[in-house]
C-alpha atoms as a PDB file:
ATOM      1  CA  MET A   1      93.751 -12.712  99.590  1.00  0.00           C
ATOM      2  CA  LYS A   2      92.038 -14.479 102.500  1.00  0.00           C
ATOM      3  CA  GLU A   3      93.487 -17.768 103.608  1.00  0.00           C
ATOM      4  CA  PHE A   4      91.436 -20.963 103.143  1.00  0.00           C
ATOM      5  CA  ASN A   5      89.740 -21.910 106.435  1.00  0.00           C
ATOM      6  CA  PRO A   6      89.129 -25.682 106.551  1.00  0.00           C
ATOM      7  CA  LYS A   7      87.196 -25.476 109.851  1.00  0.00           C
ATOM      8  CA  LEU A   8      84.656 -23.080 108.328  1.00  0.00           C
ATOM      9  CA  THR A   9      84.199 -25.349 105.317  1.00  0.00           C
ATOM     10  CA  ILE A  10      83.710 -28.401 107.506  1.00  0.00           C
ATOM     11  CA  GLY A  11      81.204 -26.500 109.672  1.00  0.00           C
ATOM     12  CA  ILE A  12      79.103 -25.428 106.665  1.00  0.00           C
ATOM     13  CA  PHE A  13      79.216 -28.935 105.209  1.00  0.00           C
ATOM     14  CA  SER A  14      78.149 -30.473 108.550  1.00  0.00           C
ATOM     15  CA  ALA A  15      75.236 -28.028 108.831  1.00  0.00           C
ATOM     16  CA  LEU A  16      74.007 -28.924 105.343  1.00  0.00           C
ATOM     17  CA  VAL A  17      74.236 -32.650 106.086  1.00  0.00           C
ATOM     18  CA  GLY A  18      72.292 -32.131 109.321  1.00  0.00           C
ATOM     19  CA  ILE A  19      69.527 -30.204 107.542  1.00  0.00           C
ATOM     20  CA  LEU A  20      69.217 -32.875 104.842  1.00  0.00           C
ATOM     21  CA  PHE A  21      69.153 -35.663 107.438  1.00  0.00           C
ATOM     22  CA  ALA A  22      66.483 -33.904 109.520  1.00  0.00           C
ATOM     23  CA  SER A  23      64.324 -33.332 106.433  1.00  0.00           C
ATOM     24  CA  GLN A  24      64.582 -36.990 105.437  1.00  0.00           C
ATOM     25  CA  VAL A  25      63.646 -38.163 108.929  1.00  0.00           C
ATOM     26  CA  LYS A  26      60.676 -35.788 108.998  1.00  0.00           C
ATOM     27  CA  MET A  27      59.405 -37.139 105.662  1.00  0.00           C
ATOM     28  CA  ASN A  28      59.564 -40.708 106.938  1.00  0.00           C
ATOM     29  CA  ILE A  29      57.592 -40.023 110.120  1.00  0.00           C
ATOM     30  CA  GLN A  30      54.234 -41.776 109.917  1.00  0.00           C
ATOM     31  CA  MET A  31      51.084 -40.032 111.006  1.00  0.00           C
ATOM     32  CA  VAL A  32      49.785 -41.646 114.184  1.00  0.00           C
ATOM     33  CA  THR A  33      46.046 -41.557 114.810  1.00  0.00           C
ATOM     34  CA  PRO A  34      45.014 -41.904 118.459  1.00  0.00           C
ATOM     35  CA  VAL A  35      42.967 -45.020 119.185  1.00  0.00           C
ATOM     36  CA  THR A  36      39.821 -44.428 121.241  1.00  0.00           C
ATOM     37  CA  ILE A  37      37.230 -46.778 122.686  1.00  0.00           C
ATOM     38  CA  SER A  38      34.561 -45.413 120.347  1.00  0.00           C
ATOM     39  CA  SER A  39      36.765 -45.994 117.274  1.00  0.00           C
ATOM     40  CA  ILE A  40      37.441 -49.575 118.381  1.00  0.00           C
ATOM     41  CA  GLN A  41      33.715 -50.172 118.910  1.00  0.00           C
ATOM     42  CA  ARG A  42      32.903 -48.774 115.466  1.00  0.00           C
ATOM     43  CA  LEU A  43      35.534 -51.003 113.857  1.00  0.00           C
ATOM     44  CA  GLU A  44      34.174 -54.058 115.679  1.00  0.00           C
ATOM     45  CA  ILE A  45      30.668 -53.267 114.403  1.00  0.00           C
ATOM     46  CA  GLU A  46      31.947 -52.852 110.831  1.00  0.00           C
ATOM     47  CA  VAL A  47      33.948 -56.106 110.977  1.00  0.00           C
ATOM     48  CA  LYS A  48      30.971 -58.085 112.312  1.00  0.00           C
ATOM     49  CA  SER A  49      28.712 -56.515 109.687  1.00  0.00           C
ATOM     50  CA  LEU A  50      31.129 -57.484 106.902  1.00  0.00           C
ATOM     51  CA  LYS A  51      31.417 -61.048 108.230  1.00  0.00           C
ATOM     52  CA  THR A  52      27.629 -61.335 108.305  1.00  0.00           C
ATOM     53  CA  GLU A  53      27.426 -60.010 104.753  1.00  0.00           C
ATOM     54  CA  ILE A  54      30.035 -62.547 103.577  1.00  0.00           C
ATOM     55  CA  ASP A  55      28.152 -65.404 105.244  1.00  0.00           C
ATOM     56  CA  ASP A  56      24.901 -64.258 103.619  1.00  0.00           C
ATOM     57  CA  LEU A  57      26.571 -64.136 100.199  1.00  0.00           C
ATOM     58  CA  LYS A  58      27.955 -67.646 100.666  1.00  0.00           C
ATOM     59  CA  LEU A  59      24.481 -68.941 101.565  1.00  0.00           C
ATOM     60  CA  ASN A  60      23.039 -67.134  98.555  1.00  0.00           C
ATOM     61  CA  ILE A  61      25.599 -68.809  96.272  1.00  0.00           C
ATOM     62  CA  ASP A  62      24.724 -72.238  97.687  1.00  0.00           C
ATOM     63  CA  ASP A  63      21.011 -71.575  97.188  1.00  0.00           C
ATOM     64  CA  LYS A  64      21.539 -70.506  93.587  1.00  0.00           C
ATOM     65  CA  GLN A  65      23.667 -73.568  92.832  1.00  0.00           C
ATOM     66  CA  ASN A  66      21.054 -75.893  94.322  1.00  0.00           C
ATOM     67  CA  TYR A  67      18.355 -74.070  92.398  1.00  0.00           C
ATOM     68  CA  LEU A  68      20.210 -74.518  89.104  1.00  0.00           C
ATOM     69  CA  ALA A  69      20.823 -78.183  89.853  1.00  0.00           C
ATOM     70  CA  LEU A  70      17.102 -78.753  90.397  1.00  0.00           C
ATOM     71  CA  ILE A  71      16.107 -76.925  87.222  1.00  0.00           C
ATOM     72  CA  GLU A  72      18.694 -78.789  85.132  1.00  0.00           C
ATOM     73  CA  ASP A  73      17.515 -82.173  86.430  1.00  0.00           C
ATOM     74  CA  SER A  74      15.634 -83.738  83.519  1.00  0.00           C
ATOM     75  CA  ASN A  75      13.627 -85.942  85.923  1.00  0.00           C
ATOM     76  CA  TYR A  76      12.228 -82.926  87.726  1.00  0.00           C
ATOM     77  CA  SER A  77       8.451 -82.607  87.201  1.00  0.00           C
ATOM     78  CA  ASP A  78       6.630 -79.428  86.194  1.00  0.00           C
ATOM     79  CA  ASP A  79       4.898 -79.253  89.573  1.00  0.00           C
ATOM     80  CA  ASN A  80       8.222 -79.333  91.388  1.00  0.00           C
ATOM     81  CA  ILE A  81       9.642 -76.650  89.110  1.00  0.00           C
ATOM     82  CA  ILE A  82       6.638 -74.425  89.865  1.00  0.00           C
ATOM     83  CA  SER A  83       7.191 -74.984  93.581  1.00  0.00           C
ATOM     84  CA  VAL A  84      10.869 -74.018  93.251  1.00  0.00           C
ATOM     85  CA  LEU A  85       9.941 -70.880  91.302  1.00  0.00           C
ATOM     86  CA  GLU A  86       7.374 -69.909  93.940  1.00  0.00           C
ATOM     87  CA  ASP A  87       9.991 -70.339  96.692  1.00  0.00           C
ATOM     88  CA  GLU A  88      12.391 -68.183  94.681  1.00  0.00           C
ATOM     89  CA  ARG A  89       9.686 -65.527  94.293  1.00  0.00           C
ATOM     90  CA  ASP A  90       9.025 -65.518  98.044  1.00  0.00           C
ATOM     91  CA  LYS A  91      12.743 -65.139  98.805  1.00  0.00           C
ATOM     92  CA  ASN A  92      13.039 -62.217  96.406  1.00  0.00           C
ATOM     93  CA  MET A  93       9.960 -60.563  97.905  1.00  0.00           C
ATOM     94  CA  LEU A  94      11.463 -61.006 101.372  1.00  0.00           C
ATOM     95  CA  LEU A  95      14.757 -59.415 100.309  1.00  0.00           C
ATOM     96  CA  ALA A  96      12.921 -56.596  98.552  1.00  0.00           C
ATOM     97  CA  GLY A  97      10.906 -55.753 101.670  1.00  0.00           C
ATOM     98  CA  TYR A  98       7.510 -56.881 100.398  1.00  0.00           C
ATOM     99  CA  LYS A  99       7.078 -59.415 103.229  1.00  0.00           C
ATOM    100  CA  THR A 100       6.191 -58.833 106.881  1.00  0.00           C
ATOM    101  CA  VAL A 101       9.091 -60.004 109.047  1.00  0.00           C
ATOM    102  CA  GLU A 102       9.716 -60.606 112.733  1.00  0.00           C
ATOM    103  CA  GLY A 103      12.760 -61.125 114.916  1.00  0.00           C
ATOM    104  CA  PRO A 104      14.904 -59.630 117.702  1.00  0.00           C
ATOM    105  CA  GLY A 105      16.233 -56.095 117.552  1.00  0.00           C
ATOM    106  CA  ILE A 106      15.742 -52.681 119.098  1.00  0.00           C
ATOM    107  CA  GLU A 107      13.031 -50.048 119.260  1.00  0.00           C
ATOM    108  CA  ILE A 108      14.066 -46.389 119.357  1.00  0.00           C
ATOM    109  CA  VAL A 109      11.778 -43.585 120.503  1.00  0.00           C
ATOM    110  CA  MET A 110      12.872 -40.160 119.200  1.00  0.00           C
ATOM    111  CA  PHE A 111      11.285 -36.820 120.105  1.00  0.00           C
ATOM    112  CA  ASP A 112      12.119 -33.127 119.767  1.00  0.00           C
ATOM    113  CA  ASN A 113      13.721 -31.033 122.488  1.00  0.00           C
ATOM    114  CA  ILE A 114      10.641 -29.293 123.859  1.00  0.00           C
ATOM    115  CA  ASP A 115      12.527 -27.433 126.625  1.00  0.00           C
ATOM    116  CA  SER A 116      13.334 -24.267 124.685  1.00  0.00           C
ATOM    117  CA  ASP A 117      14.796 -22.599 127.823  1.00  0.00           C
ATOM    118  CA  GLU A 118      17.833 -24.883 127.600  1.00  0.00           C
ATOM    119  CA  LEU A 119      18.516 -23.954 123.964  1.00  0.00           C
ATOM    120  CA  SER A 120      21.117 -21.232 123.547  1.00  0.00           C
ATOM    121  CA  PHE A 121      20.908 -21.507 119.745  1.00  0.00           C
ATOM    122  CA  ASP A 122      18.267 -21.561 117.031  1.00  0.00           C
ATOM    123  CA  PHE A 123      15.045 -23.325 118.033  1.00  0.00           C
ATOM    124  CA  ASN A 124      15.214 -25.455 114.864  1.00  0.00           C
ATOM    125  CA  ASP A 125      18.360 -27.128 116.243  1.00  0.00           C
ATOM    126  CA  GLY A 126      16.196 -28.872 118.832  1.00  0.00           C
ATOM    127  CA  ILE A 127      13.889 -30.379 116.200  1.00  0.00           C
ATOM    128  CA  ILE A 128      14.443 -33.725 114.487  1.00  0.00           C
ATOM    129  CA  HIS A 129      15.144 -33.209 110.781  1.00  0.00           C
ATOM    130  CA  ASP A 130      15.304 -35.605 107.837  1.00  0.00           C
ATOM    131  CA  VAL A 131      19.114 -35.574 107.876  1.00  0.00           C
ATOM    132  CA  ASP A 132      19.058 -36.682 111.536  1.00  0.00           C
ATOM    133  CA  MET A 133      16.748 -39.567 110.674  1.00  0.00           C
ATOM    134  CA  GLN A 134      18.908 -40.579 107.704  1.00  0.00           C
ATOM    135  CA  ASN A 135      22.077 -40.654 109.818  1.00  0.00           C
ATOM    136  CA  ILE A 136      20.405 -42.784 112.490  1.00  0.00           C
ATOM    137  CA  LEU A 137      19.153 -45.237 109.845  1.00  0.00           C
ATOM    138  CA  ASN A 138      22.594 -45.406 108.233  1.00  0.00           C
ATOM    139  CA  ASP A 139      24.192 -46.259 111.586  1.00  0.00           C
ATOM    140  CA  LEU A 140      21.630 -49.041 112.080  1.00  0.00           C
ATOM    141  CA  ARG A 141      22.293 -50.439 108.589  1.00  0.00           C
ATOM    142  CA  VAL A 142      26.055 -50.446 109.219  1.00  0.00           C
ATOM    143  CA  ALA A 143      25.363 -52.348 112.450  1.00  0.00           C
ATOM    144  CA  GLY A 144      23.578 -55.065 110.452  1.00  0.00           C
ATOM    145  CA  ALA A 145      19.893 -54.074 110.613  1.00  0.00           C
ATOM    146  CA  GLU A 146      17.996 -56.420 108.282  1.00  0.00           C
ATOM    147  CA  ALA A 147      14.652 -54.580 108.348  1.00  0.00           C
ATOM    148  CA  ILE A 148      13.698 -51.071 109.511  1.00  0.00           C
ATOM    149  CA  SER A 149      10.441 -49.176 109.938  1.00  0.00           C
ATOM    150  CA  ILE A 150       9.477 -45.707 111.171  1.00  0.00           C
ATOM    151  CA  ASN A 151       6.093 -45.406 112.895  1.00  0.00           C
ATOM    152  CA  GLY A 152       5.022 -48.604 111.162  1.00  0.00           C
ATOM    153  CA  GLU A 153       6.202 -47.454 107.700  1.00  0.00           C
ATOM    154  CA  ARG A 154       8.698 -49.873 106.130  1.00  0.00           C
ATOM    155  CA  VAL A 155      11.927 -48.162 105.086  1.00  0.00           C
ATOM    156  CA  LEU A 156      13.667 -49.505 101.976  1.00  0.00           C
ATOM    157  CA  SER A 157      16.711 -48.371 100.021  1.00  0.00           C
ATOM    158  CA  PHE A 158      14.559 -46.162  97.767  1.00  0.00           C
ATOM    159  CA  SER A 159      12.307 -44.763 100.508  1.00  0.00           C
ATOM    160  CA  ASP A 160      12.112 -40.967 100.491  1.00  0.00           C
ATOM    161  CA  ILE A 161      12.654 -39.300 103.860  1.00  0.00           C
ATOM    162  CA  LYS A 162      12.320 -35.519 103.931  1.00  0.00           C
ATOM    163  CA  CYS A 163      11.076 -32.695 106.134  1.00  0.00           C
ATOM    164  CA  ALA A 164       7.666 -31.205 105.468  1.00  0.00           C
ATOM    165  CA  GLY A 165       7.131 -28.453 108.020  1.00  0.00           C
ATOM    166  CA  PRO A 166       6.632 -29.896 111.517  1.00  0.00           C
ATOM    167  CA  VAL A 167       6.533 -33.486 110.227  1.00  0.00           C
ATOM    168  CA  ILE A 168       8.764 -35.877 108.288  1.00  0.00           C
ATOM    169  CA  ARG A 169       7.450 -37.609 105.190  1.00  0.00           C
ATOM    170  CA  VAL A 170       8.404 -41.268 104.695  1.00  0.00           C
ATOM    171  CA  ASN A 171       7.296 -42.986 101.487  1.00  0.00           C
ATOM    172  CA  GLY A 172       4.962 -40.030 100.913  1.00  0.00           C
ATOM    173  CA  ARG A 173       3.286 -40.453 104.306  1.00  0.00           C
ATOM    174  CA  SER A 174       3.481 -37.665 106.905  1.00  0.00           C
ATOM    175  CA  LEU A 175       4.784 -38.780 110.300  1.00  0.00           C
ATOM    176  CA  GLY A 176       4.963 -36.704 113.475  1.00  0.00           C
ATOM    177  CA  THR A 177       6.849 -37.053 116.726  1.00  0.00           C
ATOM    178  CA  PRO A 178       7.451 -39.147 118.617  1.00  0.00           C
ATOM    179  CA  PHE A 179       9.214 -41.176 115.933  1.00  0.00           C
ATOM    180  CA  ILE A 180       9.419 -44.878 116.731  1.00  0.00           C
ATOM    181  CA  ILE A 181      12.179 -46.610 114.778  1.00  0.00           C
ATOM    182  CA  THR A 182      12.039 -50.395 114.755  1.00  0.00           C
ATOM    183  CA  ALA A 183      15.073 -52.352 113.576  1.00  0.00           C
ATOM    184  CA  ILE A 184      15.528 -56.139 113.383  1.00  0.00           C
ATOM    185  CA  GLY A 185      19.043 -57.495 113.843  1.00  0.00           C
ATOM    186  CA  ASP A 186      21.569 -58.301 116.549  1.00  0.00           C
ATOM    187  CA  PRO A 187      20.278 -56.254 119.531  1.00  0.00           C
ATOM    188  CA  LYS A 188      23.783 -55.740 120.966  1.00  0.00           C
ATOM    189  CA  LEU A 189      25.233 -54.377 117.722  1.00  0.00           C
ATOM    190  CA  LEU A 190      22.214 -52.197 117.044  1.00  0.00           C
ATOM    191  CA  MET A 191      22.242 -50.847 120.590  1.00  0.00           C
ATOM    192  CA  ALA A 192      25.957 -50.018 120.288  1.00  0.00           C
ATOM    193  CA  ALA A 193      25.273 -48.099 117.059  1.00  0.00           C
ATOM    194  CA  ILE A 194      22.927 -45.826 119.030  1.00  0.00           C
ATOM    195  CA  SER A 195      24.395 -45.730 122.534  1.00  0.00           C
ATOM    196  CA  ALA A 196      28.170 -45.990 122.034  1.00  0.00           C
ATOM    197  CA  PRO A 197      30.290 -42.847 122.645  1.00  0.00           C
ATOM    198  CA  GLY A 198      30.912 -40.794 119.534  1.00  0.00           C
ATOM    199  CA  THR A 199      27.800 -41.936 117.651  1.00  0.00           C
ATOM    200  CA  TYR A 200      25.491 -39.527 115.862  1.00  0.00           C
ATOM    201  CA  ALA A 201      22.704 -40.372 118.291  1.00  0.00           C
ATOM    202  CA  GLU A 202      24.867 -39.390 121.266  1.00  0.00           C
ATOM    203  CA  MET A 203      25.666 -36.056 119.591  1.00  0.00           C
ATOM    204  CA  LEU A 204      21.966 -35.326 119.048  1.00  0.00           C
ATOM    205  CA  THR A 205      21.251 -36.073 122.702  1.00  0.00           C
ATOM    206  CA  LYS A 206      24.138 -34.236 124.358  1.00  0.00           C
ATOM    207  CA  VAL A 207      24.481 -31.234 122.043  1.00  0.00           C
ATOM    208  CA  TYR A 208      20.918 -30.548 120.906  1.00  0.00           C
ATOM    209  CA  GLY A 209      18.869 -32.225 123.632  1.00  0.00           C
ATOM    210  CA  ILE A 210      17.018 -34.484 121.188  1.00  0.00           C
ATOM    211  CA  GLY A 211      15.254 -37.315 122.997  1.00  0.00           C
ATOM    212  CA  ILE A 212      16.534 -40.767 122.002  1.00  0.00           C
ATOM    213  CA  GLN A 213      15.455 -43.789 124.051  1.00  0.00           C
ATOM    214  CA  PRO A 214      16.508 -47.218 122.694  1.00  0.00           C
ATOM    215  CA  TYR A 215      15.019 -50.470 123.990  1.00  0.00           C
ATOM    216  CA  SER A 216      16.239 -54.001 123.302  1.00  0.00           C
ATOM    217  CA  LYS A 217      13.456 -56.364 122.173  1.00  0.00           C
ATOM    218  CA  ASP A 218      13.346 -60.144 121.861  1.00  0.00           C
ATOM    219  CA  LYS A 219      10.640 -60.023 119.198  1.00  0.00           C
ATOM    220  CA  LEU A 220       9.632 -57.246 116.838  1.00  0.00           C
ATOM    221  CA  VAL A 221       7.276 -57.257 113.864  1.00  0.00           C
ATOM    222  CA  ILE A 222       7.987 -55.020 110.875  1.00  0.00           C
ATOM    223  CA  PRO A 223       5.284 -54.750 108.203  1.00  0.00           C
ATOM    224  CA  ALA A 224       5.852 -55.231 104.500  1.00  0.00           C
ATOM    225  CA  TYR A 225       6.332 -52.279 102.169  1.00  0.00           C
ATOM    226  CA  SER A 226       2.846 -51.303 101.002  1.00  0.00           C
ATOM    227  CA  GLY A 227       3.767 -49.041  98.096  1.00  0.00           C
ATOM    228  CA  ASP A 228       4.760 -49.777  94.528  1.00  0.00           C
ATOM    229  CA  PHE A 229       8.092 -49.118  92.890  1.00  0.00           C
ATOM    230  CA  SER A 230       9.179 -49.448  89.286  1.00  0.00           C
ATOM    231  CA  TYR A 231      12.203 -48.341  87.295  1.00  0.00           C
ATOM    232  CA  SER A 232      11.552 -45.487  84.880  1.00  0.00           C
ATOM    233  CA  TYR A 233      15.067 -45.035  83.492  1.00  0.00           C
ATOM    234  CA  ALA A 234      17.132 -48.070  84.491  1.00  0.00           C
ATOM    235  CA  LYS A 235      16.964 -50.901  81.958  1.00  0.00           C
ATOM    236  CA  THR A 236      18.243 -54.481  82.111  1.00  0.00           C
ATOM    237  CA  VAL A 237      21.561 -54.989  80.325  1.00  0.00           C
ATOM    238  CA  GLN A 238      21.122 -57.603  77.588  1.00  0.00           C
END
């Protein structure tokens, strides 16, 4: 019969404790994501956009409370009530995009990559598609764009944007290059959404050679939405 070896037992026990300790430490290690300048810029844009949205909601609450106070005032005349209702209608039309607006912002000129000799991939990769336009518009909205148009066509939340051969259809209207995107908002934030490193616009320019030229403007005019929209399936909850 073999003699009991305490050193061997202690060695095995120490090895097991070491493995368990290493596993526990590994489980508790937090994943560290590298911080880049582009990620910081994107976060700053998102924070400023959220602050602007909160301020707008606070103003909207104040307006609604004042509106209710005026309506509930028994001394308020019918003419004044009509005036308040007309102001409320105009505000709703403005928010819905049925009013022509003006203000500072940026103008973006986009055009296809016409130098096919530089393309080492499919020729279609050098053409602006509807998905490219949608991503650019989304970046502008995140940056706080309050009104957007493409070649003079007002873009709203329900606007259809899709490819149709060599053109892109917006609100049922065919638009060809160059595409001129007009966006009203803080010019610095909007410009960062297009020009900052890591943006979708930079990828289109550097990888696919798509032409994107943004210009800061002190005053832009964006026309009202000229179409008609109605709900076919959505109903008001009683």
